Protein backbone atom coordinates (compact mmCIF):
# COMPACT_ATOMS: atom_id res chain seq x y z
CA GLN A 1 12.27 -43.87 34.86
CA VAL A 2 10.05 -41.29 36.38
CA GLN A 3 9.36 -38.29 34.30
CA LEU A 4 7.09 -35.09 35.00
CA VAL A 5 5.66 -33.18 32.30
CA GLU A 6 3.93 -29.74 32.92
CA SER A 7 1.25 -28.43 30.77
CA GLY A 8 -1.30 -25.49 30.51
CA GLY A 9 1.06 -22.63 30.78
CA GLY A 10 1.24 -19.59 28.63
CA SER A 11 -0.10 -16.20 28.77
CA GLY A 12 -2.85 -14.44 30.85
CA GLN A 13 -4.02 -11.08 31.96
CA THR A 14 -4.28 -9.42 35.22
CA GLY A 15 -7.18 -10.81 37.04
CA GLY A 16 -7.49 -13.66 34.81
CA SER A 17 -7.02 -17.26 35.51
CA LEU A 18 -4.59 -20.27 34.18
CA ARG A 19 -4.62 -23.93 35.19
CA LEU A 20 -1.12 -25.89 35.16
CA SER A 21 -1.10 -29.59 35.13
CA CYS A 22 1.42 -32.03 35.90
CA ALA A 23 1.54 -35.38 35.11
CA ALA A 24 3.96 -38.38 36.10
CA SER A 25 4.95 -41.22 33.84
CA GLY A 26 7.03 -44.19 34.97
CA ALA A 27 5.89 -44.24 38.48
CA ARG A 28 4.69 -47.35 39.94
CA PHE A 29 3.99 -45.90 43.45
CA ALA A 30 2.05 -42.96 45.02
CA PHE A 31 4.05 -39.92 45.76
CA HIS A 32 4.39 -38.68 49.42
CA GLU A 33 4.35 -34.95 48.53
CA MET A 34 3.70 -32.89 45.38
CA ALA A 35 4.45 -29.41 45.10
CA TRP A 36 4.77 -26.33 42.50
CA TYR A 37 7.59 -23.96 42.70
CA ARG A 38 8.20 -20.95 40.37
CA GLN A 39 11.45 -18.99 39.41
CA ALA A 40 11.33 -15.38 38.04
CA PRO A 41 14.23 -14.12 35.93
CA GLY A 42 17.10 -13.30 38.14
CA LYS A 43 15.25 -14.53 41.41
CA GLN A 44 15.77 -17.78 43.37
CA ARG A 45 13.14 -20.82 43.00
CA ASP A 46 10.37 -20.13 45.52
CA LEU A 47 7.74 -22.65 46.86
CA VAL A 48 4.25 -21.72 45.51
CA ALA A 49 1.91 -24.60 47.01
CA THR A 50 2.48 -28.24 48.39
CA ILE A 51 0.21 -31.21 49.06
CA THR A 52 0.73 -34.20 51.00
CA SER A 53 -0.48 -37.71 50.62
CA GLY A 54 -2.84 -36.97 53.44
CA GLY A 55 -4.46 -33.92 51.83
CA SER A 56 -2.60 -31.24 53.77
CA LYS A 57 -2.11 -28.22 51.71
CA ASP A 58 0.21 -25.10 52.05
CA TYR A 59 0.65 -21.97 50.11
CA GLY A 60 3.32 -19.47 49.64
CA ASP A 61 2.02 -16.15 51.23
CA SER A 62 2.00 -14.13 47.76
CA VAL A 63 -0.41 -16.78 46.30
CA LYS A 64 -2.72 -17.64 49.21
CA GLY A 65 -6.29 -17.15 48.36
CA ARG A 66 -5.51 -16.93 44.65
CA PHE A 67 -4.07 -20.34 43.94
CA THR A 68 -5.31 -23.81 44.56
CA ILE A 69 -3.37 -27.22 44.42
CA SER A 70 -5.01 -30.24 43.84
CA THR A 71 -4.12 -33.99 42.79
CA GLU A 72 -5.71 -36.92 41.10
CA ASP A 73 -3.72 -39.63 43.05
CA ALA A 74 -4.92 -42.41 40.77
CA LYS A 75 -3.33 -40.91 37.78
CA ASN A 76 -0.22 -39.35 39.61
CA SER A 77 -1.44 -36.13 38.33
CA MET A 78 -1.41 -32.42 40.05
CA TYR A 79 -3.03 -29.20 39.15
CA LEU A 80 -2.47 -25.60 40.00
CA GLN A 81 -5.66 -23.44 39.61
CA MET A 82 -4.44 -19.82 39.54
CA ASN A 83 -6.95 -17.08 39.79
CA SER A 84 -6.77 -13.17 40.13
CA LEU A 85 -3.45 -13.22 38.34
CA LYS A 86 -0.91 -10.71 38.87
CA PRO A 87 2.03 -9.55 36.71
CA GLU A 88 4.24 -10.64 39.55
CA ASP A 89 3.03 -14.26 39.03
CA THR A 90 5.15 -14.16 35.78
CA ALA A 91 7.75 -16.92 36.25
CA VAL A 92 8.77 -20.60 35.17
CA TYR A 93 6.65 -22.86 37.06
CA TYR A 94 8.09 -26.41 38.07
CA CYS A 95 6.28 -29.28 39.45
CA LYS A 96 8.02 -31.64 42.00
CA MET A 97 6.85 -35.01 43.37
CA ARG A 98 8.60 -36.45 46.22
CA PHE A 99 8.82 -40.38 47.26
CA GLY A 100 10.54 -40.80 50.47
CA VAL A 101 13.84 -38.69 50.07
CA VAL A 102 13.79 -38.98 46.44
CA ALA A 103 12.54 -35.95 44.40
CA TYR A 104 11.36 -35.50 40.59
CA TRP A 105 11.23 -32.28 38.77
CA GLY A 106 9.39 -31.36 35.88
CA GLN A 107 11.23 -29.45 32.87
CA GLY A 108 9.31 -26.25 33.73
CA ILE A 109 6.50 -24.20 31.94
CA GLN A 110 6.25 -20.55 31.49
CA VAL A 111 3.68 -18.53 32.89
CA THR A 112 3.35 -14.69 31.63
CA VAL A 113 0.88 -12.42 33.01
CA SER A 114 0.33 -8.90 31.38
CA SER A 115 -0.98 -5.91 33.04
């Protein structure tokens, strides 16, 4: 049973930084793709950043230049460094890891940015 657990969320201030972590337990394989999503109240879940097993990265337009996704493959862990935070970054953040067509999701972690 694969489980993903996010950590590192909480409160930050405008212009500040936070770092999210996502650790996978129970996985006996390397994931093909890892990603961060976020969902603000009353809104749909949006893609924040992705990284493939080959190291290719992509970001949502709203976070480009501010957020950085990275992985530690040996530990099946993933990180999201969030800099220059804005109030509109407030949301529940979810990590996702995909192996083939099977995707696993974390339970979500709250990030709140105050102005």
